[in-house]
Amino acid sequence: MAPSPTIMQAVEQLGYRVTVGDVATQAGLNVAEANQSLLALASDAGGHLQVADSGDIVYLFPRNFRAILRNKYFRLRLQEWWKKVWSVLFYLIRISFGIFLTVSIALITITIFIIITAANSDRNGDNRGSNSGGGFFYFPNLFWYLSPNYDTHYQERRRESREESNLNFFEAIFSFLFGDGNPNANLEERRWQEIATVIRINRGAVVAEQIAPYLEGYTREYEDYMLPVLTRFNGQPGVSPEGQIVYYFPELQVSAVKKRRYAISDHLEEFPWRFSAASSGQIMLSAGLGVLNFVGALVLGSLLRDGTIAVQLGGLVAFVQGIYWLLLAYGAGFLGIPLLRYFWIGWRNRKIGDRNRDRLSRASLLTSPDAPLQQKINYAQQFATEKVIGNEDLVYSSETDLLDQEVERSAQIDAEWQKRLERGSGE
């Protein structure tokens, strides 16, 4: 079984010397899961166990443990290789939509040009021919203005509007169509990280009201929402003489690193969805090209309606006739998908705003707690403690037995004094 990437990342971020509580806080993991994963990682990567005089355990890992694992696990090497390959494949998928749009507009424009040119050649009357030719040439000029000179025009607009966008033209097309992913994809991970951090800041002892701004399903009368927190971080409840419940977490009260400065919000905040990371100029251009493609497809459909023109001209016209419904479907989808996303994002963001305001209102209770809540918080501090295990606190390490070292050192000192006494008596 390959080690957990989350555990490995947490160990690196914490400086390769950790306790179970450190990792559970850093990664937002279940304490039991963190403990089991650390044991497995130490076994596979050549880590060491250090035992403090209090009985607490510290895990020490070599800084090159990833290289050790990479040499040991073919699956881990395969995952790293696939991660690189997938990044390339996904980039190609992203830019393919912009490429297909460009190709679609080009095919539609060229086919319309061929059909109208062929029709004009069969007509008599210079006036009629010149009028239709003049009407046609405005269409490709518009396409030429929008597409081939895009970079030049866009850079000028960007300098004028001072908008920042790291997306190129093809990436902007994909962003316009499908957005840029879920901004709250790691919401659960952030939730548990922030809860563990709040517990750490309060030295391992909290009341339910301090955790409520980070959870769902809150009710002031009942504290059932604390059960998942107790399960995840191996917490224990305590009851005050007044019947108030507090919670303390022994594993999160022990650390292998000195006290860190934590920056944390007073409530869990979900990020609103963005329609697109592209600039407004890129969005307008994408929409304009989408409209141009769809209108061009409709015009082409009217020219190919009876099917005789494709039979007569053959070649490219016949090919486009064969894929016409694909071009039309792509043109409709190119405009329909962003439109549906726009309304869906608006609905989703309203829900997110409601949840954020609800959690914020719970956090506001802590800014000016009433007398019972303050009494409850004060009682919880009786269970608060913090222990940082340094090298001086160790009694055993799987690298070297510290007690044996002390015995050996004492024996060396006794032997040295014995030699000195013997030299003194001889003189």
Protein backbone atom coordinates (compact mmCIF):
# COMPACT_ATOMS: atom_id res chain seq x y z
CA MET A 1 0.00 0.00 0.00
CA ALA A 2 1.49 3.33 -1.08
CA PRO A 3 1.80 6.01 1.63
CA SER A 4 -0.77 8.80 1.79
CA PRO A 5 0.27 11.92 -0.18
CA THR A 6 -1.58 14.07 2.39
CA ILE A 7 0.49 12.63 5.24
CA MET A 8 3.75 13.07 3.32
CA GLN A 9 2.95 16.69 2.53
CA ALA A 10 2.05 17.41 6.16
CA VAL A 11 5.31 15.87 7.38
CA GLU A 12 7.32 18.05 4.99
CA GLN A 13 5.45 21.21 5.96
CA LEU A 14 6.05 20.50 9.67
CA GLY A 15 9.81 19.99 9.31
CA TYR A 16 10.03 16.16 9.29
CA ARG A 17 9.58 15.88 13.10
CA VAL A 18 5.94 15.50 14.09
CA THR A 19 3.41 14.14 16.53
CA VAL A 20 0.04 12.64 15.64
CA GLY A 21 -1.61 15.86 16.79
CA ASP A 22 0.65 17.97 14.53
CA VAL A 23 -0.30 15.96 11.46
CA ALA A 24 -3.99 15.78 12.35
CA THR A 25 -4.04 19.57 12.67
CA GLN A 26 -2.00 20.28 9.56
CA ALA A 27 -3.95 17.92 7.30
CA GLY A 28 -7.33 17.97 9.07
CA LEU A 29 -7.26 14.18 9.38
CA ASN A 30 -8.86 11.78 11.78
CA VAL A 31 -6.45 11.15 14.69
CA ALA A 32 -6.66 7.38 14.31
CA GLU A 33 -6.04 7.65 10.57
CA ALA A 34 -3.10 10.01 11.10
CA ASN A 35 -1.59 7.65 13.69
CA GLN A 36 -1.91 4.60 11.45
CA SER A 37 -0.57 6.46 8.41
CA LEU A 38 2.43 7.82 10.34
CA LEU A 39 3.33 4.34 11.53
CA ALA A 40 3.11 3.02 7.97
CA LEU A 41 5.14 5.91 6.59
CA ALA A 42 7.82 5.52 9.27
CA SER A 43 8.09 1.82 8.49
CA ASP A 44 8.34 2.35 4.73
CA ALA A 45 10.53 5.46 4.68
CA GLY A 46 13.02 4.60 7.41
CA GLY A 47 11.52 6.93 10.01
CA HIS A 48 12.29 6.78 13.72
CA LEU A 49 10.18 6.80 16.87
CA GLN A 50 11.12 9.04 19.77
CA VAL A 51 9.51 8.53 23.17
CA ALA A 52 9.27 11.35 25.72
CA ASP A 53 9.38 10.84 29.48
CA SER A 54 5.63 11.58 29.45
CA GLY A 55 5.03 8.60 27.17
CA ASP A 56 4.20 10.72 24.13
CA ILE A 57 5.61 9.65 20.76
CA VAL A 58 7.37 11.78 18.16
CA TYR A 59 8.00 10.62 14.59
CA LEU A 60 11.28 11.66 12.96
CA PHE A 61 11.67 11.28 9.19
CA PRO A 62 14.69 11.63 6.89
CA ARG A 63 14.46 14.63 4.61
CA ASN A 64 14.86 12.44 1.54
CA PHE A 65 12.03 10.09 2.48
CA ARG A 66 10.24 10.75 -0.83
CA ALA A 67 13.28 9.48 -2.74
CA ILE A 68 13.37 6.40 -0.49
CA LEU A 69 9.70 5.71 -1.18
CA ARG A 70 10.08 6.42 -4.90
CA ASN A 71 12.77 3.78 -5.16
CA LYS A 72 10.68 1.36 -3.15
CA TYR A 73 7.26 1.77 -4.73
CA PHE A 74 6.64 1.34 -8.45
CA ARG A 75 3.07 2.58 -7.94
CA LEU A 76 4.33 5.86 -6.50
CA ARG A 77 6.60 6.37 -9.51
CA LEU A 78 3.68 5.56 -11.79
CA GLN A 79 1.46 8.12 -10.03
CA GLU A 80 4.07 10.84 -10.44
CA TRP A 81 4.50 9.96 -14.12
CA TRP A 82 0.74 9.99 -14.74
CA LYS A 83 0.40 13.32 -12.96
CA LYS A 84 2.82 14.86 -15.45
CA VAL A 85 1.16 13.18 -18.44
CA TRP A 86 -2.32 14.19 -17.30
CA SER A 87 -1.29 17.84 -16.92
CA VAL A 88 -0.26 17.82 -20.59
CA LEU A 89 -3.38 15.95 -21.72
CA PHE A 90 -5.69 18.24 -19.76
CA TYR A 91 -4.03 21.31 -21.25
CA LEU A 92 -4.59 19.87 -24.74
CA ILE A 93 -8.23 19.23 -23.87
CA ARG A 94 -8.64 22.81 -22.67
CA ILE A 95 -7.21 24.40 -25.79
CA SER A 96 -9.06 21.97 -28.11
CA PHE A 97 -12.34 23.85 -27.65
CA GLY A 98 -10.78 27.10 -28.84
CA ILE A 99 -9.12 25.32 -31.74
CA PHE A 100 -12.42 23.70 -32.76
CA LEU A 101 -14.17 27.08 -32.57
CA THR A 102 -11.55 28.62 -34.85
CA VAL A 103 -11.76 25.71 -37.28
CA SER A 104 -15.57 25.84 -37.24
CA ILE A 105 -15.65 29.56 -38.06
CA ALA A 106 -13.07 29.06 -40.79
CA LEU A 107 -14.97 26.14 -42.37
CA ILE A 108 -18.28 28.00 -42.26
CA THR A 109 -16.80 31.18 -43.69
CA ILE A 110 -14.90 29.45 -46.50
CA THR A 111 -17.90 27.29 -47.42
CA ILE A 112 -20.21 30.31 -47.57
CA PHE A 113 -17.63 32.08 -49.73
CA ILE A 114 -17.43 29.11 -52.14
CA ILE A 115 -21.22 28.77 -52.40
CA ILE A 116 -21.85 32.48 -53.00
CA THR A 117 -18.97 32.73 -55.47
CA ALA A 118 -20.33 29.76 -57.41
CA ALA A 119 -23.82 31.25 -57.37
CA ASN A 120 -22.54 34.61 -58.60
CA SER A 121 -20.69 33.02 -61.48
CA ASP A 122 -24.00 31.55 -62.76
CA ARG A 123 -25.88 34.82 -62.65
CA ASN A 124 -26.20 37.40 -65.35
CA GLY A 125 -26.17 41.08 -64.62
CA ASP A 126 -23.21 42.93 -63.23
CA ASN A 127 -25.32 44.90 -60.78
CA ARG A 128 -26.80 41.83 -59.13
CA GLY A 129 -23.40 40.15 -59.02
CA SER A 130 -21.64 43.19 -57.56
CA ASN A 131 -24.34 43.68 -54.93
CA SER A 132 -24.13 40.10 -53.70
CA GLY A 133 -20.35 40.23 -53.72
CA GLY A 134 -20.33 43.44 -51.73
CA GLY A 135 -22.78 41.99 -49.23
CA PHE A 136 -20.65 38.91 -48.76
CA PHE A 137 -17.26 40.48 -48.28
CA TYR A 138 -18.38 42.33 -45.17
CA PHE A 139 -18.82 38.95 -43.45
CA PRO A 140 -15.24 37.65 -43.71
CA ASN A 141 -13.86 41.09 -42.93
CA LEU A 142 -15.71 40.93 -39.63
CA PHE A 143 -14.24 37.48 -38.97
CA TRP A 144 -10.76 38.72 -39.88
CA TYR A 145 -11.16 41.61 -37.48
CA LEU A 146 -12.20 39.37 -34.62
CA SER A 147 -9.90 36.40 -34.92
CA PRO A 148 -6.47 36.65 -36.60
CA ASN A 149 -5.55 40.01 -35.07
CA TYR A 150 -6.88 39.01 -31.68
CA ASP A 151 -3.56 39.22 -29.81
CA THR A 152 -2.74 42.74 -30.98
CA HIS A 153 -6.19 44.13 -30.30
CA TYR A 154 -6.50 42.35 -26.98
CA GLN A 155 -3.16 43.62 -25.68
CA GLU A 156 -4.20 47.16 -26.52
CA ARG A 157 -7.52 46.72 -24.71
CA ARG A 158 -5.76 45.12 -21.78
CA ARG A 159 -3.34 48.04 -21.41
CA GLU A 160 -6.25 50.43 -21.54
CA SER A 161 -8.41 48.59 -18.99
CA ARG A 162 -5.44 47.28 -16.90
CA GLU A 163 -7.11 43.94 -16.40
CA GLU A 164 -4.99 41.02 -15.32
CA SER A 165 -5.42 37.60 -16.90
CA ASN A 166 -2.94 34.76 -17.12
CA LEU A 167 -4.99 32.92 -19.72
CA ASN A 168 -4.15 32.84 -23.40
CA PHE A 169 -6.84 32.92 -26.09
CA PHE A 170 -7.53 29.17 -26.15
CA GLU A 171 -7.50 28.85 -22.34
CA ALA A 172 -9.93 31.79 -22.14
CA ILE A 173 -12.31 29.97 -24.49
CA PHE A 174 -12.36 26.93 -22.17
CA SER A 175 -12.81 29.18 -19.13
CA PHE A 176 -15.73 30.95 -20.84
CA LEU A 177 -17.37 27.62 -21.60
CA PHE A 178 -16.79 25.62 -18.43
CA GLY A 179 -15.36 27.95 -15.81
CA ASP A 180 -12.29 27.20 -13.76
CA GLY A 181 -13.30 24.50 -11.35
CA ASN A 182 -14.91 24.38 -7.92
CA PRO A 183 -13.39 27.05 -5.64
CA ASN A 184 -14.47 24.95 -2.64
CA ALA A 185 -13.14 21.61 -3.81
CA ASN A 186 -11.04 21.35 -0.63
CA LEU A 187 -13.76 22.73 1.66
CA GLU A 188 -13.84 19.67 3.93
CA GLU A 189 -10.07 19.67 4.23
CA ARG A 190 -10.10 23.37 5.16
CA ARG A 191 -12.96 22.79 7.60
CA TRP A 192 -11.07 20.18 9.62
CA GLN A 193 -7.79 22.05 9.44
CA GLU A 194 -9.43 25.16 10.86
CA ILE A 195 -11.28 23.22 13.57
CA ALA A 196 -8.04 21.53 14.66
CA THR A 197 -6.28 24.90 14.62
CA VAL A 198 -8.96 26.46 16.85
CA ILE A 199 -8.50 23.59 19.28
CA ARG A 200 -4.72 24.08 19.20
CA ILE A 201 -5.03 27.84 19.77
CA ASN A 202 -7.16 27.11 22.85
CA ARG A 203 -4.58 24.58 24.08
CA GLY A 204 -6.71 21.56 23.39
CA ALA A 205 -9.87 22.53 25.31
CA VAL A 206 -12.90 24.23 23.74
CA VAL A 207 -16.64 24.69 24.05
CA ALA A 208 -19.09 23.86 21.28
CA GLU A 209 -19.74 27.53 20.48
CA GLN A 210 -16.09 27.97 19.48
CA ILE A 211 -16.38 25.16 16.91
CA ALA A 212 -19.90 25.93 15.64
CA PRO A 213 -18.77 28.65 13.14
CA TYR A 214 -16.94 25.93 11.19
CA LEU A 215 -19.73 23.31 11.06
CA GLU A 216 -23.13 22.74 9.52
CA GLY A 217 -26.22 21.47 11.30
CA TYR A 218 -25.87 23.88 14.22
CA THR A 219 -28.57 24.05 16.90
CA ARG A 220 -28.08 26.07 20.05
CA GLU A 221 -30.11 23.71 22.25
CA TYR A 222 -28.24 20.53 21.33
CA GLU A 223 -24.55 19.90 20.70
CA ASP A 224 -24.85 16.78 18.58
CA TYR A 225 -22.83 18.52 15.87
CA MET A 226 -19.73 18.07 18.08
CA LEU A 227 -19.83 14.27 17.79
CA PRO A 228 -17.92 14.14 14.45
CA VAL A 229 -15.27 16.44 15.96
CA LEU A 230 -14.85 14.19 18.99
CA THR A 231 -14.62 11.12 16.77
CA ARG A 232 -12.16 12.67 14.35
CA PHE A 233 -9.72 14.08 16.91
CA ASN A 234 -10.29 11.56 19.71
CA GLY A 235 -11.81 14.15 22.01
CA GLN A 236 -13.37 13.70 25.42
CA PRO A 237 -16.28 15.59 26.97
CA GLY A 238 -16.26 17.10 30.41
CA VAL A 239 -19.16 18.44 32.48
CA SER A 240 -18.97 21.48 34.73
CA PRO A 241 -20.73 21.67 38.08
CA GLU A 242 -23.41 23.75 36.37
CA GLY A 243 -24.04 20.96 33.86
CA GLN A 244 -22.27 22.65 30.94
CA ILE A 245 -20.31 20.45 28.51
CA VAL A 246 -16.75 21.22 27.46
CA TYR A 247 -14.45 19.22 25.18
CA TYR A 248 -10.72 18.49 25.38
CA PHE A 249 -8.43 16.69 22.97
CA PRO A 250 -5.29 15.14 24.52
CA GLU A 251 -3.61 14.28 21.20
CA LEU A 252 -3.85 17.89 20.01
CA GLN A 253 -2.22 19.14 23.20
CA VAL A 254 1.11 17.55 22.29
CA SER A 255 3.44 18.90 19.60
CA ALA A 256 6.94 18.25 18.35
CA VAL A 257 7.46 21.85 17.22
CA LYS A 258 7.49 25.10 19.13
CA LYS A 259 4.31 27.11 19.28
CA ARG A 260 3.42 28.42 15.85
CA ARG A 261 1.56 31.59 14.97
CA TYR A 262 -1.77 30.67 13.44
CA ALA A 263 -3.70 32.89 11.05
CA ILE A 264 -7.28 31.72 10.91
CA SER A 265 -10.66 33.20 10.11
CA ASP A 266 -13.26 33.34 12.87
CA HIS A 267 -15.58 31.22 10.72
CA LEU A 268 -15.40 28.84 7.78
CA GLU A 269 -15.92 30.83 4.62
CA GLU A 270 -16.97 29.28 1.34
CA PHE A 271 -15.65 31.05 -1.74
CA PRO A 272 -18.15 32.24 -4.35
CA TRP A 273 -18.05 30.68 -7.79
CA ARG A 274 -16.63 32.81 -10.59
CA PHE A 275 -18.10 32.74 -14.05
CA SER A 276 -14.63 32.81 -15.58
CA ALA A 277 -11.04 33.72 -14.74
CA ALA A 278 -10.74 35.34 -18.18
CA SER A 279 -10.76 39.12 -18.38
CA SER A 280 -13.88 40.98 -19.49
CA GLY A 281 -12.25 41.57 -22.89
CA GLN A 282 -11.59 37.87 -23.33
CA ILE A 283 -15.13 37.01 -22.27
CA MET A 284 -16.61 39.51 -24.72
CA LEU A 285 -14.40 38.18 -27.49
CA SER A 286 -15.38 34.58 -26.71
CA ALA A 287 -19.06 35.48 -26.72
CA GLY A 288 -18.66 37.46 -29.94
CA LEU A 289 -16.94 34.60 -31.70
CA GLY A 290 -19.62 32.23 -30.39
CA VAL A 291 -22.37 34.44 -31.84
CA LEU A 292 -20.46 34.75 -35.11
CA ASN A 293 -20.07 30.96 -35.30
CA PHE A 294 -23.75 30.30 -34.54
CA VAL A 295 -25.08 32.94 -36.95
CA GLY A 296 -22.68 31.70 -39.63
CA ALA A 297 -23.96 28.15 -39.07
CA LEU A 298 -27.55 29.33 -39.53
CA VAL A 299 -26.65 31.19 -42.73
CA LEU A 300 -24.79 28.15 -44.02
CA GLY A 301 -27.77 25.95 -43.18
CA SER A 302 -30.06 28.12 -45.27
CA LEU A 303 -27.67 27.81 -48.23
CA LEU A 304 -27.37 24.03 -47.86
CA ARG A 305 -31.05 23.47 -47.21
CA ASP A 306 -32.01 21.67 -50.41
CA GLY A 307 -28.75 19.70 -50.60
CA THR A 308 -28.28 20.23 -54.35
CA ILE A 309 -25.52 22.82 -53.97
CA ALA A 310 -23.34 20.34 -52.06
CA VAL A 311 -23.84 17.71 -54.78
CA GLN A 312 -22.97 20.19 -57.51
CA LEU A 313 -19.85 21.66 -55.88
CA GLY A 314 -18.60 18.59 -53.99
CA GLY A 315 -15.22 18.80 -52.22
CA LEU A 316 -15.16 20.99 -49.13
CA VAL A 317 -18.82 21.96 -49.48
CA ALA A 318 -19.87 18.31 -49.48
CA PHE A 319 -17.65 17.64 -46.48
CA VAL A 320 -19.15 20.55 -44.52
CA GLN A 321 -22.63 19.36 -45.51
CA GLY A 322 -21.79 16.02 -43.90
CA ILE A 323 -20.71 17.56 -40.58
CA TYR A 324 -23.16 20.46 -40.62
CA TRP A 325 -25.22 19.25 -37.66
CA LEU A 326 -22.03 18.87 -35.62
CA LEU A 327 -21.09 22.47 -36.41
CA LEU A 328 -24.57 23.70 -35.54
CA ALA A 329 -24.69 21.70 -32.30
CA TYR A 330 -21.27 23.04 -31.28
CA GLY A 331 -22.37 26.60 -32.06
CA ALA A 332 -25.55 26.21 -29.98
CA GLY A 333 -23.70 24.55 -27.11
CA PHE A 334 -20.98 27.20 -27.17
CA LEU A 335 -23.60 29.83 -26.29
CA GLY A 336 -26.01 27.65 -24.30
CA ILE A 337 -23.54 26.17 -21.80
CA PRO A 338 -22.17 29.53 -20.53
CA LEU A 339 -25.72 30.92 -20.34
CA LEU A 340 -26.88 28.01 -18.17
CA ARG A 341 -23.74 28.30 -16.03
CA TYR A 342 -24.39 32.00 -15.49
CA PHE A 343 -27.79 31.37 -13.91
CA TRP A 344 -26.59 28.28 -12.03
CA ILE A 345 -23.65 30.22 -10.51
CA GLY A 346 -25.98 33.00 -9.40
CA TRP A 347 -28.22 30.47 -7.61
CA ARG A 348 -25.22 28.67 -6.10
CA ASN A 349 -23.60 31.86 -4.84
CA ARG A 350 -26.82 32.93 -3.10
CA LYS A 351 -26.78 29.64 -1.19
CA ILE A 352 -23.10 30.11 -0.32
CA GLY A 353 -23.79 33.64 0.90
CA ASP A 354 -26.58 32.38 3.17
CA ARG A 355 -24.31 29.73 4.70
CA ASN A 356 -21.46 32.21 5.20
CA ARG A 357 -23.75 34.69 6.95
CA ASP A 358 -25.11 31.92 9.17
CA ARG A 359 -21.63 30.87 10.27
CA LEU A 360 -20.59 34.48 10.74
CA SER A 361 -23.56 35.07 13.03
CA ARG A 362 -22.40 32.15 15.19
CA ALA A 363 -18.90 33.60 15.36
CA SER A 364 -20.31 36.94 16.51
CA LEU A 365 -21.54 35.24 19.69
CA LEU A 366 -17.93 34.84 20.77
CA THR A 367 -17.01 38.51 20.36
CA SER A 368 -19.20 39.48 23.33
CA PRO A 369 -20.20 36.25 25.09
CA ASP A 370 -22.97 36.34 27.67
CA ALA A 371 -22.33 35.27 31.25
CA PRO A 372 -23.19 31.55 30.86
CA LEU A 373 -21.02 31.22 27.74
CA GLN A 374 -18.10 33.01 29.40
CA GLN A 375 -18.44 30.77 32.44
CA LYS A 376 -18.39 27.77 30.14
CA ILE A 377 -15.24 29.00 28.34
CA ASN A 378 -13.51 29.64 31.66
CA TYR A 379 -14.31 26.13 32.84
CA ALA A 380 -12.88 24.66 29.62
CA GLN A 381 -9.54 26.32 30.36
CA GLN A 382 -9.14 24.02 33.37
CA PHE A 383 -8.55 21.24 30.84
CA ALA A 384 -6.25 23.34 28.64
CA THR A 385 -2.61 22.39 28.47
CA GLU A 386 0.20 22.47 25.95
CA LYS A 387 3.22 20.24 25.71
CA VAL A 388 6.12 20.68 23.28
CA ILE A 389 8.45 17.68 23.19
CA GLY A 390 12.08 18.62 22.66
CA ASN A 391 15.15 16.41 22.49
CA GLU A 392 15.76 17.00 26.19
CA ASP A 393 12.44 15.32 26.98
CA LEU A 394 13.26 12.06 25.19
CA VAL A 395 14.03 8.85 27.01
CA TYR A 396 14.21 6.61 23.94
CA SER A 397 14.72 6.87 20.24
CA SER A 398 14.74 4.07 17.72
CA GLU A 399 17.90 5.71 16.37
CA THR A 400 19.75 5.45 19.70
CA ASP A 401 18.66 4.55 23.21
CA LEU A 402 19.22 7.72 25.21
CA LEU A 403 19.27 5.88 28.53
CA ASP A 404 22.04 3.63 27.27
CA GLN A 405 23.94 6.73 26.18
CA GLU A 406 23.66 8.20 29.67
CA VAL A 407 24.87 4.98 31.27
CA GLU A 408 27.82 4.80 28.88
CA ARG A 409 28.69 8.45 29.50
CA SER A 410 28.57 7.93 33.29
CA ALA A 411 30.83 4.91 32.96
CA GLN A 412 33.34 6.93 30.93
CA ILE A 413 33.35 9.68 33.56
CA ASP A 414 33.87 7.15 36.39
CA ALA A 415 36.73 5.55 34.48
CA GLU A 416 38.36 8.95 33.94
CA TRP A 417 38.13 9.81 37.65
CA GLN A 418 39.51 6.41 38.56
CA LYS A 419 42.55 7.04 36.36
CA ARG A 420 43.13 10.39 37.96
CA LEU A 421 42.90 8.94 41.47
CA GLU A 422 45.37 6.23 40.56
CA ARG A 423 47.81 8.79 39.17
CA GLY A 424 47.40 10.89 42.29
CA SER A 425 48.06 7.99 44.66
CA GLY A 426 51.13 6.92 42.66
CA GLU A 427 52.66 10.34 43.02
